[in-house]
Amino acid sequence: MSKRVISKSLTRIQQLPFLALLLCSFCSLSDESSPSKKLKLLSNPVPFFSYTDKSGEMTGYSIDLSKNIIKNAGFDVEVEGLPWARVLKRAESVEYSVISGIVRTPERENAYYWITPISSNPVAFYTLKEDHIFIESIKELDALGNIGVLRNDYRHRILTDENAANIMAFNNWPVAIHSLLKHRTKSLFFSDMGLVLTCLDANINCTSIERIHTYRNAVSYIAVRKTETLKPVYEALKNAAEQFKQSNEFNAMVASYLNQSDDTAKLMTVENGIVSVKSNTTHHASNEGQ
């Protein structure tokens, strides 16, 4: 064998470790940039639970809870706040996404993996006290006149399924509440917690509104879409959620929110890791003008 051939062979052999190292580097980069390593956290802005702070970052009880669980499960996280109707659409287009604050309903039961509950909240019908309207079941919707509800919200779907004739869908709850207060609608299909938080946050005097019929208790969750791809993600998040909610870190997080000086925090309580409105403040509302 000639010296030139031997030299070329040796050169190729010497290059093998470098090529192997380079290949491993690409493998590592591919693994780190894999969508499964980073999850998109989707949430609808709600006072106390999900809001933008002074620095422009999304924060709040449900955001911090979700981020801690996601990070403890070994994933990176990016938060995106959207109107509720867009949250569900965004979750369909972004495969590796997590929804924070989705209510668990029979219609959604088999469409999502349910990771851990966030809040528990009575869903009900509300009218003005002066109207003296009362119903005993959802089958009596005709007595409620025009019913205000959030557009594309799960309650909107319930009213549609019940063949309610006078649905008035709004793009946000403050407008829906003002519509009731100004007698443009006769009722709202909302929730105790939602009414309390919205009236307080929007500085609306809601003391003239009363709950007339409780439909059911709604529990919001952290969830992911039910697909084979997301099954291992769900299992990792489920385990991380169970561990985090039993930790001192979780207790400290809860205390930090409940001990805040703002009025919203004073209305909340947490039992077994689930947020609810204190029973003696169910009909709390701002005393300021409309």
C-alpha atoms as a PDB file:
ATOM      1  CA  MET A   1       0.000   0.000   0.000  1.00  0.00           C
ATOM      2  CA  SER A   2       1.390   3.411  -0.974  1.00  0.00           C
ATOM      3  CA  LYS A   3       2.261   6.063   1.575  1.00  0.00           C
ATOM      4  CA  ARG A   4      -0.385   8.382   0.021  1.00  0.00           C
ATOM      5  CA  VAL A   5      -3.180   5.826   0.557  1.00  0.00           C
ATOM      6  CA  ILE A   6      -2.038   5.154   4.125  1.00  0.00           C
ATOM      7  CA  SER A   7      -1.943   8.895   4.823  1.00  0.00           C
ATOM      8  CA  LYS A   8      -5.502   9.403   3.529  1.00  0.00           C
ATOM      9  CA  SER A   9      -6.758   6.472   5.590  1.00  0.00           C
ATOM     10  CA  LEU A  10      -5.164   7.842   8.745  1.00  0.00           C
ATOM     11  CA  THR A  11      -6.636  11.280   8.068  1.00  0.00           C
ATOM     12  CA  ARG A  12     -10.121   9.812   7.747  1.00  0.00           C
ATOM     13  CA  ILE A  13      -9.689   7.810  10.947  1.00  0.00           C
ATOM     14  CA  GLN A  14      -8.507  10.928  12.785  1.00  0.00           C
ATOM     15  CA  GLN A  15     -11.598  12.794  11.577  1.00  0.00           C
ATOM     16  CA  LEU A  16     -14.025  10.201  12.961  1.00  0.00           C
ATOM     17  CA  PRO A  17     -14.059  11.469  16.589  1.00  0.00           C
ATOM     18  CA  PHE A  18     -14.668  15.012  15.342  1.00  0.00           C
ATOM     19  CA  LEU A  19     -17.501  13.891  13.071  1.00  0.00           C
ATOM     20  CA  ALA A  20     -19.039  11.850  15.879  1.00  0.00           C
ATOM     21  CA  LEU A  21     -18.823  14.830  18.232  1.00  0.00           C
ATOM     22  CA  LEU A  22     -20.372  17.094  15.613  1.00  0.00           C
ATOM     23  CA  LEU A  23     -23.183  14.608  15.028  1.00  0.00           C
ATOM     24  CA  CYS A  24     -23.882  14.359  18.757  1.00  0.00           C
ATOM     25  CA  SER A  25     -23.983  18.137  18.971  1.00  0.00           C
ATOM     26  CA  PHE A  26     -26.677  18.241  16.308  1.00  0.00           C
ATOM     27  CA  CYS A  27     -28.559  15.486  18.132  1.00  0.00           C
ATOM     28  CA  SER A  28     -28.397  17.492  21.330  1.00  0.00           C
ATOM     29  CA  LEU A  29     -29.592  20.651  19.628  1.00  0.00           C
ATOM     30  CA  SER A  30     -32.419  18.765  17.994  1.00  0.00           C
ATOM     31  CA  ASP A  31     -33.476  17.308  21.337  1.00  0.00           C
ATOM     32  CA  GLU A  32     -33.374  20.671  23.118  1.00  0.00           C
ATOM     33  CA  SER A  33     -35.347  22.431  20.389  1.00  0.00           C
ATOM     34  CA  SER A  34     -37.911  19.643  20.143  1.00  0.00           C
ATOM     35  CA  PRO A  35     -41.458  20.952  20.689  1.00  0.00           C
ATOM     36  CA  SER A  36     -41.934  18.343  23.403  1.00  0.00           C
ATOM     37  CA  LYS A  37     -39.319  20.118  25.533  1.00  0.00           C
ATOM     38  CA  LYS A  38     -41.231  23.411  25.549  1.00  0.00           C
ATOM     39  CA  LEU A  39     -44.909  23.839  26.310  1.00  0.00           C
ATOM     40  CA  LYS A  40     -47.133  26.777  25.447  1.00  0.00           C
ATOM     41  CA  LEU A  41     -49.276  27.767  28.442  1.00  0.00           C
ATOM     42  CA  LEU A  42     -52.567  29.286  27.276  1.00  0.00           C
ATOM     43  CA  SER A  43     -54.814  31.293  29.573  1.00  0.00           C
ATOM     44  CA  ASN A  44     -57.712  33.716  29.495  1.00  0.00           C
ATOM     45  CA  PRO A  45     -57.027  36.902  31.527  1.00  0.00           C
ATOM     46  CA  VAL A  46     -59.015  36.797  34.793  1.00  0.00           C
ATOM     47  CA  PRO A  47     -58.351  38.894  37.930  1.00  0.00           C
ATOM     48  CA  PHE A  48     -56.347  37.068  40.617  1.00  0.00           C
ATOM     49  CA  PHE A  49     -55.858  34.000  38.411  1.00  0.00           C
ATOM     50  CA  SER A  50     -54.290  35.298  35.201  1.00  0.00           C
ATOM     51  CA  TYR A  51     -53.291  38.869  34.443  1.00  0.00           C
ATOM     52  CA  THR A  52     -50.476  41.030  33.086  1.00  0.00           C
ATOM     53  CA  ASP A  53     -48.232  42.646  35.684  1.00  0.00           C
ATOM     54  CA  LYS A  54     -46.496  46.030  35.466  1.00  0.00           C
ATOM     55  CA  SER A  55     -43.558  44.521  33.600  1.00  0.00           C
ATOM     56  CA  GLY A  56     -45.841  43.103  30.914  1.00  0.00           C
ATOM     57  CA  GLU A  57     -45.488  39.497  32.079  1.00  0.00           C
ATOM     58  CA  MET A  58     -48.438  37.154  32.569  1.00  0.00           C
ATOM     59  CA  THR A  59     -48.820  36.200  36.216  1.00  0.00           C
ATOM     60  CA  GLY A  60     -51.531  35.215  38.701  1.00  0.00           C
ATOM     61  CA  TYR A  61     -52.475  32.223  40.827  1.00  0.00           C
ATOM     62  CA  SER A  62     -53.301  29.823  37.992  1.00  0.00           C
ATOM     63  CA  ILE A  63     -50.321  30.987  35.921  1.00  0.00           C
ATOM     64  CA  ASP A  64     -47.850  30.433  38.755  1.00  0.00           C
ATOM     65  CA  LEU A  65     -49.435  27.096  39.635  1.00  0.00           C
ATOM     66  CA  SER A  66     -49.238  25.929  36.017  1.00  0.00           C
ATOM     67  CA  LYS A  67     -45.681  27.177  35.495  1.00  0.00           C
ATOM     68  CA  ASN A  68     -44.425  25.429  38.621  1.00  0.00           C
ATOM     69  CA  ILE A  69     -46.029  22.154  37.582  1.00  0.00           C
ATOM     70  CA  ILE A  70     -44.700  22.394  34.028  1.00  0.00           C
ATOM     71  CA  LYS A  71     -41.158  23.213  35.154  1.00  0.00           C
ATOM     72  CA  ASN A  72     -41.174  20.488  37.817  1.00  0.00           C
ATOM     73  CA  ALA A  73     -42.181  18.031  35.096  1.00  0.00           C
ATOM     74  CA  GLY A  74     -39.021  18.953  33.189  1.00  0.00           C
ATOM     75  CA  PHE A  75     -40.428  21.252  30.501  1.00  0.00           C
ATOM     76  CA  ASP A  76     -39.739  24.826  29.534  1.00  0.00           C
ATOM     77  CA  VAL A  77     -42.798  27.062  29.350  1.00  0.00           C
ATOM     78  CA  GLU A  78     -43.990  30.078  27.390  1.00  0.00           C
ATOM     79  CA  VAL A  79     -47.163  31.885  28.512  1.00  0.00           C
ATOM     80  CA  GLU A  80     -49.735  33.388  26.162  1.00  0.00           C
ATOM     81  CA  GLY A  81     -52.867  35.245  27.288  1.00  0.00           C
ATOM     82  CA  LEU A  82     -55.840  35.247  24.917  1.00  0.00           C
ATOM     83  CA  PRO A  83     -59.623  35.778  24.925  1.00  0.00           C
ATOM     84  CA  TRP A  84     -61.298  32.519  25.868  1.00  0.00           C
ATOM     85  CA  ALA A  85     -62.617  31.605  22.406  1.00  0.00           C
ATOM     86  CA  ARG A  86     -59.098  31.961  21.006  1.00  0.00           C
ATOM     87  CA  VAL A  87     -57.562  29.867  23.790  1.00  0.00           C
ATOM     88  CA  LEU A  88     -59.309  26.710  22.581  1.00  0.00           C
ATOM     89  CA  LYS A  89     -58.505  27.411  18.925  1.00  0.00           C
ATOM     90  CA  ARG A  90     -54.883  28.111  19.798  1.00  0.00           C
ATOM     91  CA  ALA A  91     -54.660  24.823  21.682  1.00  0.00           C
ATOM     92  CA  GLU A  92     -55.772  23.010  18.535  1.00  0.00           C
ATOM     93  CA  SER A  93     -53.103  24.670  16.394  1.00  0.00           C
ATOM     94  CA  VAL A  94     -50.232  24.384  18.905  1.00  0.00           C
ATOM     95  CA  GLU A  95     -49.748  20.691  19.586  1.00  0.00           C
ATOM     96  CA  TYR A  96     -47.618  21.025  22.709  1.00  0.00           C
ATOM     97  CA  SER A  97     -49.890  23.387  24.612  1.00  0.00           C
ATOM     98  CA  VAL A  98     -51.397  23.441  28.099  1.00  0.00           C
ATOM     99  CA  ILE A  99     -54.654  25.207  28.988  1.00  0.00           C
ATOM    100  CA  SER A 100     -54.957  26.864  32.379  1.00  0.00           C
ATOM    101  CA  GLY A 101     -58.454  27.502  33.720  1.00  0.00           C
ATOM    102  CA  ILE A 102     -60.640  25.315  31.509  1.00  0.00           C
ATOM    103  CA  VAL A 103     -63.886  24.180  33.146  1.00  0.00           C
ATOM    104  CA  ARG A 104     -64.449  20.441  33.181  1.00  0.00           C
ATOM    105  CA  THR A 105     -67.810  19.653  31.592  1.00  0.00           C
ATOM    106  CA  PRO A 106     -69.432  16.426  30.356  1.00  0.00           C
ATOM    107  CA  GLU A 107     -69.054  17.675  26.780  1.00  0.00           C
ATOM    108  CA  ARG A 108     -65.307  18.191  27.224  1.00  0.00           C
ATOM    109  CA  GLU A 109     -64.630  15.134  29.366  1.00  0.00           C
ATOM    110  CA  ASN A 110     -63.161  12.921  26.647  1.00  0.00           C
ATOM    111  CA  ALA A 111     -61.483  15.711  24.700  1.00  0.00           C
ATOM    112  CA  TYR A 112     -58.866  16.570  27.338  1.00  0.00           C
ATOM    113  CA  TYR A 113     -56.514  15.061  29.883  1.00  0.00           C
ATOM    114  CA  TRP A 114     -57.403  16.692  33.213  1.00  0.00           C
ATOM    115  CA  ILE A 115     -54.231  17.385  35.187  1.00  0.00           C
ATOM    116  CA  THR A 116     -55.279  19.125  38.403  1.00  0.00           C
ATOM    117  CA  PRO A 117     -58.131  21.380  39.606  1.00  0.00           C
ATOM    118  CA  ILE A 118     -57.623  25.118  40.131  1.00  0.00           C
ATOM    119  CA  SER A 119     -60.947  26.519  41.322  1.00  0.00           C
ATOM    120  CA  SER A 120     -64.464  25.497  42.334  1.00  0.00           C
ATOM    121  CA  ASN A 121     -67.317  27.835  41.597  1.00  0.00           C
ATOM    122  CA  PRO A 122     -71.153  27.787  41.493  1.00  0.00           C
ATOM    123  CA  VAL A 123     -72.506  28.505  38.001  1.00  0.00           C
ATOM    124  CA  ALA A 124     -75.880  30.194  38.180  1.00  0.00           C
ATOM    125  CA  PHE A 125     -78.488  32.545  36.761  1.00  0.00           C
ATOM    126  CA  TYR A 126     -78.587  36.144  37.978  1.00  0.00           C
ATOM    127  CA  THR A 127     -81.172  38.907  37.719  1.00  0.00           C
ATOM    128  CA  LEU A 128     -81.797  42.319  39.252  1.00  0.00           C
ATOM    129  CA  LYS A 129     -83.368  42.119  42.698  1.00  0.00           C
ATOM    130  CA  GLU A 130     -86.055  44.585  41.705  1.00  0.00           C
ATOM    131  CA  ASP A 131     -87.331  42.304  38.941  1.00  0.00           C
ATOM    132  CA  HIS A 132     -88.369  39.521  41.355  1.00  0.00           C
ATOM    133  CA  ILE A 133     -87.702  36.746  38.831  1.00  0.00           C
ATOM    134  CA  PHE A 134     -87.310  33.194  40.130  1.00  0.00           C
ATOM    135  CA  ILE A 135     -86.905  29.800  38.492  1.00  0.00           C
ATOM    136  CA  GLU A 136     -86.513  26.284  39.881  1.00  0.00           C
ATOM    137  CA  SER A 137     -84.742  24.629  36.955  1.00  0.00           C
ATOM    138  CA  ILE A 138     -82.973  25.370  33.702  1.00  0.00           C
ATOM    139  CA  LYS A 139     -86.101  24.182  31.902  1.00  0.00           C
ATOM    140  CA  GLU A 140     -87.766  27.483  32.839  1.00  0.00           C
ATOM    141  CA  LEU A 141     -85.491  29.687  30.722  1.00  0.00           C
ATOM    142  CA  ASP A 142     -88.389  31.495  29.073  1.00  0.00           C
ATOM    143  CA  ALA A 143     -89.081  33.219  32.392  1.00  0.00           C
ATOM    144  CA  LEU A 144     -85.644  34.848  32.293  1.00  0.00           C
ATOM    145  CA  GLY A 145     -86.210  36.959  29.193  1.00  0.00           C
ATOM    146  CA  ASN A 146     -83.002  37.854  27.356  1.00  0.00           C
ATOM    147  CA  ILE A 147     -80.100  35.886  28.864  1.00  0.00           C
ATOM    148  CA  GLY A 148     -76.633  37.436  28.747  1.00  0.00           C
ATOM    149  CA  VAL A 149     -73.663  35.094  28.374  1.00  0.00           C
ATOM    150  CA  LEU A 150     -70.057  35.194  27.181  1.00  0.00           C
ATOM    151  CA  ARG A 151     -69.738  34.362  23.498  1.00  0.00           C
ATOM    152  CA  ASN A 152     -68.428  30.818  22.853  1.00  0.00           C
ATOM    153  CA  ASP A 153     -68.148  30.154  26.584  1.00  0.00           C
ATOM    154  CA  TYR A 154     -69.259  26.696  27.753  1.00  0.00           C
ATOM    155  CA  ARG A 155     -72.350  28.341  29.270  1.00  0.00           C
ATOM    156  CA  HIS A 156     -73.228  29.658  25.829  1.00  0.00           C
ATOM    157  CA  ARG A 157     -73.170  26.054  24.629  1.00  0.00           C
ATOM    158  CA  ILE A 158     -75.408  24.962  27.512  1.00  0.00           C
ATOM    159  CA  LEU A 159     -78.013  27.588  26.639  1.00  0.00           C
ATOM    160  CA  THR A 160     -77.893  26.566  22.992  1.00  0.00           C
ATOM    161  CA  ASP A 161     -78.327  22.896  23.895  1.00  0.00           C
ATOM    162  CA  GLU A 162     -81.310  23.842  26.058  1.00  0.00           C
ATOM    163  CA  ASN A 163     -82.850  25.650  23.071  1.00  0.00           C
ATOM    164  CA  ALA A 164     -82.929  28.981  24.874  1.00  0.00           C
ATOM    165  CA  ALA A 165     -84.747  31.419  22.603  1.00  0.00           C
ATOM    166  CA  ASN A 166     -83.351  34.723  23.836  1.00  0.00           C
ATOM    167  CA  ILE A 167     -79.572  34.379  24.095  1.00  0.00           C
ATOM    168  CA  MET A 168     -77.542  37.588  24.034  1.00  0.00           C
ATOM    169  CA  ALA A 169     -73.855  36.725  23.583  1.00  0.00           C
ATOM    170  CA  PHE A 170     -71.242  39.292  24.615  1.00  0.00           C
ATOM    171  CA  ASN A 171     -67.520  39.514  23.941  1.00  0.00           C
ATOM    172  CA  ASN A 172     -66.704  40.255  27.587  1.00  0.00           C
ATOM    173  CA  TRP A 173     -68.403  40.055  30.964  1.00  0.00           C
ATOM    174  CA  PRO A 174     -68.264  43.750  31.977  1.00  0.00           C
ATOM    175  CA  VAL A 175     -70.380  44.649  28.944  1.00  0.00           C
ATOM    176  CA  ALA A 176     -72.802  41.825  29.777  1.00  0.00           C
ATOM    177  CA  ILE A 177     -73.134  43.050  33.373  1.00  0.00           C
ATOM    178  CA  HIS A 178     -73.718  46.641  32.280  1.00  0.00           C
ATOM    179  CA  SER A 179     -76.386  45.376  29.898  1.00  0.00           C
ATOM    180  CA  LEU A 180     -78.213  43.767  32.823  1.00  0.00           C
ATOM    181  CA  LEU A 181     -77.865  46.843  35.026  1.00  0.00           C
ATOM    182  CA  LYS A 182     -79.272  49.024  32.236  1.00  0.00           C
ATOM    183  CA  HIS A 183     -82.209  46.632  31.687  1.00  0.00           C
ATOM    184  CA  ARG A 184     -81.105  45.685  28.179  1.00  0.00           C
ATOM    185  CA  THR A 185     -81.026  42.052  29.273  1.00  0.00           C
ATOM    186  CA  LYS A 186     -83.124  40.461  31.991  1.00  0.00           C
ATOM    187  CA  SER A 187     -80.627  37.896  33.274  1.00  0.00           C
ATOM    188  CA  LEU A 188     -77.071  36.563  33.180  1.00  0.00           C
ATOM    189  CA  PHE A 189     -75.751  33.013  33.048  1.00  0.00           C
ATOM    190  CA  PHE A 190     -72.502  33.485  34.933  1.00  0.00           C
ATOM    191  CA  SER A 191     -70.878  32.360  38.215  1.00  0.00           C
ATOM    192  CA  ASP A 192     -70.386  33.620  41.756  1.00  0.00           C
ATOM    193  CA  MET A 193     -66.632  33.936  41.394  1.00  0.00           C
ATOM    194  CA  GLY A 194     -66.875  35.488  37.956  1.00  0.00           C
ATOM    195  CA  LEU A 195     -69.404  38.067  39.115  1.00  0.00           C
ATOM    196  CA  VAL A 196     -67.367  38.999  42.182  1.00  0.00           C
ATOM    197  CA  LEU A 197     -64.084  39.316  40.298  1.00  0.00           C
ATOM    198  CA  THR A 198     -65.510  41.143  37.298  1.00  0.00           C
ATOM    199  CA  CYS A 199     -67.475  43.681  39.334  1.00  0.00           C
ATOM    200  CA  LEU A 200     -64.457  44.385  41.507  1.00  0.00           C
ATOM    201  CA  ASP A 201     -61.953  44.573  38.665  1.00  0.00           C
ATOM    202  CA  ALA A 202     -64.184  46.705  36.410  1.00  0.00           C
ATOM    203  CA  ASN A 203     -65.308  48.882  39.334  1.00  0.00           C
ATOM    204  CA  ILE A 204     -68.998  48.095  38.762  1.00  0.00           C
ATOM    205  CA  ASN A 205     -71.594  48.387  41.520  1.00  0.00           C
ATOM    206  CA  CYS A 206     -73.251  44.968  41.409  1.00  0.00           C
ATOM    207  CA  THR A 207     -75.119  45.076  44.712  1.00  0.00           C
ATOM    208  CA  SER A 208     -78.468  45.127  42.877  1.00  0.00           C
ATOM    209  CA  ILE A 209     -77.753  41.733  41.266  1.00  0.00           C
ATOM    210  CA  GLU A 210     -78.810  38.475  42.907  1.00  0.00           C
ATOM    211  CA  ARG A 211     -78.421  34.797  42.181  1.00  0.00           C
ATOM    212  CA  ILE A 212     -81.805  33.183  41.540  1.00  0.00           C
ATOM    213  CA  HIS A 213     -80.892  29.633  40.519  1.00  0.00           C
ATOM    214  CA  THR A 214     -77.725  27.551  40.792  1.00  0.00           C
ATOM    215  CA  TYR A 215     -77.186  25.354  37.765  1.00  0.00           C
ATOM    216  CA  ARG A 216     -74.218  23.348  39.019  1.00  0.00           C
ATOM    217  CA  ASN A 217     -70.758  23.654  40.522  1.00  0.00           C
ATOM    218  CA  ALA A 218     -68.004  24.224  37.985  1.00  0.00           C
ATOM    219  CA  VAL A 219     -64.405  23.164  38.563  1.00  0.00           C
ATOM    220  CA  SER A 220     -61.645  24.662  36.434  1.00  0.00           C
ATOM    221  CA  TYR A 221     -58.524  22.662  35.609  1.00  0.00           C
ATOM    222  CA  ILE A 222     -55.126  22.668  34.046  1.00  0.00           C
ATOM    223  CA  ALA A 223     -55.527  20.396  31.026  1.00  0.00           C
ATOM    224  CA  VAL A 224     -54.053  19.252  27.725  1.00  0.00           C
ATOM    225  CA  ARG A 225     -55.810  17.950  24.647  1.00  0.00           C
ATOM    226  CA  LYS A 226     -56.371  14.196  24.673  1.00  0.00           C
ATOM    227  CA  THR A 227     -54.030  12.879  21.982  1.00  0.00           C
ATOM    228  CA  GLU A 228     -51.546  10.020  21.863  1.00  0.00           C
ATOM    229  CA  THR A 229     -48.739  12.538  21.371  1.00  0.00           C
ATOM    230  CA  LEU A 230     -49.652  14.399  24.549  1.00  0.00           C
ATOM    231  CA  LYS A 231     -50.285  11.329  26.708  1.00  0.00           C
ATOM    232  CA  PRO A 232     -46.702  11.173  28.075  1.00  0.00           C
ATOM    233  CA  VAL A 233     -46.809  14.947  28.620  1.00  0.00           C
ATOM    234  CA  TYR A 234     -50.035  14.545  30.591  1.00  0.00           C
ATOM    235  CA  GLU A 235     -48.574  11.755  32.716  1.00  0.00           C
ATOM    236  CA  ALA A 236     -45.505  13.841  33.543  1.00  0.00           C
ATOM    237  CA  LEU A 237     -47.620  16.890  34.405  1.00  0.00           C
ATOM    238  CA  LYS A 238     -50.068  14.833  36.462  1.00  0.00           C
ATOM    239  CA  ASN A 239     -47.259  13.418  38.610  1.00  0.00           C
ATOM    240  CA  ALA A 240     -45.627  16.827  38.953  1.00  0.00           C
ATOM    241  CA  ALA A 241     -48.946  18.396  40.000  1.00  0.00           C
ATOM    242  CA  GLU A 242     -49.528  15.821  42.726  1.00  0.00           C
ATOM    243  CA  GLN A 243     -46.043  16.342  44.120  1.00  0.00           C
ATOM    244  CA  PHE A 244     -46.131  20.137  43.889  1.00  0.00           C
ATOM    245  CA  LYS A 245     -49.471  20.449  45.684  1.00  0.00           C
ATOM    246  CA  GLN A 246     -48.027  18.495  48.601  1.00  0.00           C
ATOM    247  CA  SER A 247     -44.921  20.666  48.847  1.00  0.00           C
ATOM    248  CA  ASN A 248     -43.959  23.585  51.065  1.00  0.00           C
ATOM    249  CA  GLU A 249     -43.353  25.557  47.883  1.00  0.00           C
ATOM    250  CA  PHE A 250     -47.034  25.260  46.985  1.00  0.00           C
ATOM    251  CA  ASN A 251     -48.110  26.311  50.478  1.00  0.00           C
ATOM    252  CA  ALA A 252     -45.859  29.355  50.219  1.00  0.00           C
ATOM    253  CA  MET A 253     -47.317  30.240  46.818  1.00  0.00           C
ATOM    254  CA  VAL A 254     -50.882  30.017  48.159  1.00  0.00           C
ATOM    255  CA  ALA A 255     -50.007  32.161  51.177  1.00  0.00           C
ATOM    256  CA  SER A 256     -48.359  34.788  48.982  1.00  0.00           C
ATOM    257  CA  TYR A 257     -51.580  35.242  46.997  1.00  0.00           C
ATOM    258  CA  LEU A 258     -54.031  35.106  49.886  1.00  0.00           C
ATOM    259  CA  ASN A 259     -51.959  37.584  51.894  1.00  0.00           C
ATOM    260  CA  GLN A 260     -51.933  40.232  49.186  1.00  0.00           C
ATOM    261  CA  SER A 261     -53.404  43.553  50.250  1.00  0.00           C
ATOM    262  CA  ASP A 262     -55.816  43.987  47.333  1.00  0.00           C
ATOM    263  CA  ASP A 263     -59.552  43.395  47.779  1.00  0.00           C
ATOM    264  CA  THR A 264     -59.652  40.439  45.393  1.00  0.00           C
ATOM    265  CA  ALA A 265     -57.293  38.310  47.478  1.00  0.00           C
ATOM    266  CA  LYS A 266     -59.376  38.980  50.591  1.00  0.00           C
ATOM    267  CA  LEU A 267     -62.370  37.309  48.948  1.00  0.00           C
ATOM    268  CA  MET A 268     -60.578  34.039  48.186  1.00  0.00           C
ATOM    269  CA  THR A 269     -59.937  30.891  50.157  1.00  0.00           C
ATOM    270  CA  VAL A 270     -58.010  27.732  49.261  1.00  0.00           C
ATOM    271  CA  GLU A 271     -58.944  24.264  50.494  1.00  0.00           C
ATOM    272  CA  ASN A 272     -57.300  21.063  49.294  1.00  0.00           C
ATOM    273  CA  GLY A 273     -55.454  23.112  46.695  1.00  0.00           C
ATOM    274  CA  ILE A 274     -58.660  24.486  45.140  1.00  0.00           C
ATOM    275  CA  VAL A 275     -59.615  28.181  45.116  1.00  0.00           C
ATOM    276  CA  SER A 276     -63.151  29.335  45.886  1.00  0.00           C
ATOM    277  CA  VAL A 277     -64.904  32.528  46.952  1.00  0.00           C
ATOM    278  CA  LYS A 278     -65.520  32.880  50.673  1.00  0.00           C
ATOM    279  CA  SER A 279     -69.146  32.077  51.410  1.00  0.00           C
ATOM    280  CA  ASN A 280     -69.803  35.354  53.206  1.00  0.00           C
ATOM    281  CA  THR A 281     -68.632  37.405  50.225  1.00  0.00           C
ATOM    282  CA  THR A 282     -70.541  35.645  47.454  1.00  0.00           C
ATOM    283  CA  HIS A 283     -72.473  38.773  46.544  1.00  0.00           C
ATOM    284  CA  HIS A 284     -69.685  41.233  47.227  1.00  0.00           C
ATOM    285  CA  ALA A 285     -69.422  44.035  44.717  1.00  0.00           C
ATOM    286  CA  SER A 286     -67.667  47.328  44.349  1.00  0.00           C
ATOM    287  CA  ASN A 287     -69.319  50.225  46.133  1.00  0.00           C
ATOM    288  CA  GLU A 288     -68.084  52.617  43.489  1.00  0.00           C
ATOM    289  CA  GLY A 289     -70.130  53.916  40.569  1.00  0.00           C
ATOM    290  CA  GLN A 290     -70.961  52.054  37.407  1.00  0.00           C
END
